[in-house]
C-alpha cells in the first residue's frame, strides 16, 4: 500500500456518531430511524460500535434504550469501562442536536462507512493486481465482486446508482494507483 494512503485518516465523522447515539438515548423513537440506515459496523469508533450493539440488544428485547438501561447492559457485559465509562455514556446526551435530524446524521455515518469500505477494497484490488499471481480476468472478477458487495450494503438505505458507485470506485482506485 502506498505510504501516502497509509498515513491518511480514514473517512469518519465522530460528531455524527455521538449525535446519533445521544439522540437515541434521549428519544427511543430515534433508534428505529437510525437502525433503518446504519448497522453497528458502520461506526468508525470501536466504542460507538459497542454502544450501538448494546442499543440493538435492548431494542430487540423490547427494553427502553436510555442512560440507565444502556449503562446496565454495558456493565453486565464488561464493556462499560471499555467504551469510556459511565461519564462518557452520560456525555453522549450533552449538546445533542435536534433528534429529528438523526436520519441525516445516520446517512453521514453510512456515507463515511461506504467510503472506508471502498478504500479497503481498492487497496486489496491494488495489492492483488501488483502481485499478479492470478490472471487479470480473475482479479477483475474479484474487484467487481468487492464493489458490488459494497453497493448491496448501500441498497438498504435507498437505491444508489451503480454507475455513480462504480465511477467513484474507479476514481478512488485510479487515485490510489497514481500514488
Protein backbone atom coordinates (compact mmCIF):
# COMPACT_ATOMS: atom_id res chain seq x y z
CA UNK A 1 0.00 0.00 0.00
CA UNK A 2 1.42 3.42 -0.91
CA UNK A 3 2.71 5.38 2.10
CA UNK A 4 0.55 8.43 1.33
CA UNK A 5 -2.57 6.29 1.63
CA UNK A 6 -1.41 4.53 4.82
CA UNK A 7 -0.77 7.85 6.56
CA UNK A 8 -4.18 9.32 5.82
CA UNK A 9 -7.03 9.08 8.28
CA UNK A 10 -9.97 7.04 7.09
CA UNK A 11 -13.19 8.98 6.45
CA UNK A 12 -15.34 9.36 9.56
CA UNK A 13 -17.47 11.86 11.47
CA UNK A 14 -17.33 11.29 15.22
CA UNK A 15 -19.72 14.18 15.86
CA UNK A 16 -22.40 12.49 13.75
CA UNK A 17 -21.76 9.21 15.57
CA UNK A 18 -22.10 10.84 19.01
CA UNK A 19 -25.19 12.75 17.85
CA UNK A 20 -26.94 9.56 16.72
CA UNK A 21 -26.12 7.72 19.94
CA UNK A 22 -27.13 10.68 22.09
CA UNK A 23 -30.39 11.23 20.21
CA UNK A 24 -31.32 7.57 20.70
CA UNK A 25 -30.68 7.87 24.43
CA UNK A 26 -32.94 10.92 24.62
CA UNK A 27 -35.67 9.69 22.27
CA UNK A 28 -36.19 5.95 21.83
CA UNK A 29 -38.12 6.59 18.60
CA UNK A 30 -34.85 7.78 17.09
CA UNK A 31 -33.45 4.24 17.31
CA UNK A 32 -35.72 2.93 14.54
CA UNK A 33 -34.82 5.85 12.28
CA UNK A 34 -31.12 5.20 12.77
CA UNK A 35 -31.39 1.41 12.51
CA UNK A 36 -33.05 1.73 9.10
CA UNK A 37 -29.90 3.39 7.77
CA UNK A 38 -26.93 2.06 9.76
CA UNK A 39 -25.58 -1.03 11.48
CA UNK A 40 -23.02 -1.12 14.25
CA UNK A 41 -20.24 -1.93 11.76
CA UNK A 42 -20.84 1.48 10.13
CA UNK A 43 -19.41 3.29 13.16
CA UNK A 44 -15.75 4.29 12.94
CA UNK A 45 -15.01 4.34 16.66
CA UNK A 46 -14.99 0.91 18.30
CA UNK A 47 -16.65 2.27 21.45
CA UNK A 48 -19.53 3.61 19.35
CA UNK A 49 -19.93 0.23 17.63
CA UNK A 50 -20.14 -1.48 21.02
CA UNK A 51 -22.62 1.07 22.34
CA UNK A 52 -24.86 0.73 19.29
CA UNK A 53 -24.68 -3.08 19.55
CA UNK A 54 -25.99 -2.86 23.11
CA UNK A 55 -28.72 -0.46 21.99
CA UNK A 56 -29.76 -3.01 19.37
CA UNK A 57 -29.90 -5.76 22.00
CA UNK A 58 -32.02 -3.60 24.30
CA UNK A 59 -34.39 -2.68 21.48
CA UNK A 60 -34.69 -6.30 20.32
CA UNK A 61 -35.72 -7.32 23.83
CA UNK A 62 -38.28 -4.52 23.91
CA UNK A 63 -36.45 -2.69 26.69
CA UNK A 64 -36.13 1.08 26.84
CA UNK A 65 -32.89 2.43 25.44
CA UNK A 66 -31.81 5.10 27.90
CA UNK A 67 -28.88 6.03 30.10
CA UNK A 68 -29.83 3.65 32.90
CA UNK A 69 -30.53 0.57 30.76
CA UNK A 70 -27.54 1.16 28.48
CA UNK A 71 -25.11 1.55 31.38
CA UNK A 72 -26.55 -1.59 32.96
CA UNK A 73 -26.24 -3.58 29.72
CA UNK A 74 -22.68 -2.39 29.13
CA UNK A 75 -21.75 -3.13 32.74
CA UNK A 76 -23.24 -6.62 32.57
CA UNK A 77 -21.14 -7.47 29.51
CA UNK A 78 -17.98 -5.88 30.93
CA UNK A 79 -17.88 -3.23 28.21
CA UNK A 80 -18.76 -0.14 30.27
CA UNK A 81 -15.19 0.90 31.07
CA UNK A 82 -14.01 -0.17 27.61
CA UNK A 83 -16.31 2.38 25.93
CA UNK A 84 -15.26 5.25 28.19
CA UNK A 85 -17.14 4.58 31.41
CA UNK A 86 -20.39 5.98 32.79
CA UNK A 87 -19.20 9.55 32.29
CA UNK A 88 -18.76 9.04 28.54
CA UNK A 89 -22.20 7.46 28.18
CA UNK A 90 -23.75 10.38 30.07
CA UNK A 91 -21.79 12.89 27.97
CA UNK A 92 -23.33 11.48 24.77
CA UNK A 93 -26.57 13.32 25.50
CA UNK A 94 -24.84 16.66 26.16
CA UNK A 95 -25.32 19.09 23.32
CA UNK A 96 -27.17 16.64 21.10
CA UNK A 97 -28.51 18.44 18.02
CA UNK A 98 -32.18 18.12 17.21
CA UNK A 99 -33.22 14.48 17.22
CA UNK A 100 -35.33 14.98 14.12
CA UNK A 101 -32.03 15.29 12.23
CA UNK A 102 -30.96 11.79 13.28
CA UNK A 103 -31.68 10.32 9.86
CA UNK A 104 -29.36 12.86 8.27
CA UNK A 105 -26.61 12.10 10.81
CA UNK A 106 -27.09 8.36 10.23
CA UNK A 107 -26.67 8.91 6.49
CA UNK A 108 -23.41 10.76 7.17
CA UNK A 109 -22.19 7.76 9.19
CA UNK A 110 -23.26 5.40 6.39
CA UNK A 111 -21.53 7.51 3.74
CA UNK A 112 -18.27 7.52 5.68
CA UNK A 113 -18.53 3.75 6.23
CA UNK A 114 -19.06 3.26 2.49
CA UNK A 115 -16.01 5.37 1.72
CA UNK A 116 -13.94 3.29 4.15
CA UNK A 117 -15.19 0.10 2.51
CA UNK A 118 -14.24 1.46 -0.91
CA UNK A 119 -10.77 2.33 0.35
CA UNK A 120 -10.26 -1.13 1.86
CA UNK A 121 -11.50 -2.79 -1.34
CA UNK A 122 -9.41 -0.53 -3.56
CA UNK A 123 -6.29 -1.30 -1.51
CA UNK A 124 -6.97 -5.02 -1.76
CA UNK A 125 -7.53 -4.73 -5.52
CA UNK A 126 -4.27 -2.78 -5.89
CA UNK A 127 -2.29 -5.29 -3.86
CA UNK A 128 -3.74 -8.22 -5.80
CA UNK A 129 -3.04 -6.52 -9.13
CA UNK A 130 0.54 -5.68 -8.18
CA UNK A 131 1.20 -9.23 -7.01
CA UNK A 132 -0.16 -10.51 -10.35
CA UNK A 133 -0.36 -14.05 -9.01
CA UNK A 134 -3.67 -14.55 -10.79
CA UNK A 135 -4.89 -13.81 -14.29
CA UNK A 136 -6.25 -10.34 -14.92
CA UNK A 137 -9.77 -11.68 -15.51
CA UNK A 138 -9.79 -13.36 -12.09
CA UNK A 139 -8.59 -10.17 -10.41
CA UNK A 140 -11.22 -8.19 -12.30
CA UNK A 141 -13.92 -10.63 -11.12
CA UNK A 142 -12.74 -10.22 -7.53
CA UNK A 143 -12.75 -6.43 -7.89
CA UNK A 144 -16.24 -6.49 -9.35
CA UNK A 145 -17.49 -8.73 -6.54
CA UNK A 146 -15.97 -6.43 -3.90
CA UNK A 147 -17.56 -3.31 -5.39
CA UNK A 148 -20.96 -5.00 -5.83
CA UNK A 149 -20.84 -6.13 -2.19
CA UNK A 150 -20.41 -2.51 -1.13
CA UNK A 151 -23.24 -1.46 -3.44
CA UNK A 152 -25.51 -4.17 -1.98
CA UNK A 153 -24.84 -2.87 1.52
CA UNK A 154 -25.97 0.60 0.43
CA UNK A 155 -29.19 -0.58 -1.19
CA UNK A 156 -30.90 -0.91 2.19
CA UNK A 157 -30.89 2.86 2.73
CA UNK A 158 -32.14 3.67 -0.73
CA UNK A 159 -31.15 2.98 -4.27
CA UNK A 160 -27.70 4.04 -5.29
CA UNK A 161 -26.91 4.37 -8.94
CA UNK A 162 -24.46 1.62 -9.81
CA UNK A 163 -22.94 3.96 -12.37
CA UNK A 164 -22.24 6.54 -9.63
CA UNK A 165 -20.85 3.92 -7.28
CA UNK A 166 -18.63 2.37 -9.97
CA UNK A 167 -17.44 5.78 -11.15
CA UNK A 168 -16.50 6.77 -7.60
CA UNK A 169 -14.80 3.43 -7.03
CA UNK A 170 -12.77 3.66 -10.22
CA UNK A 171 -11.73 7.22 -9.39
CA UNK A 172 -10.57 6.07 -5.96
CA UNK A 173 -8.64 3.15 -7.45
CA UNK A 174 -7.03 5.42 -10.06
CA UNK A 175 -6.01 7.96 -7.40
CA UNK A 176 -4.52 5.23 -5.25
CA UNK A 177 -2.70 3.77 -8.23
CA UNK A 178 -1.30 7.17 -9.23
CA UNK A 179 0.42 7.50 -5.86
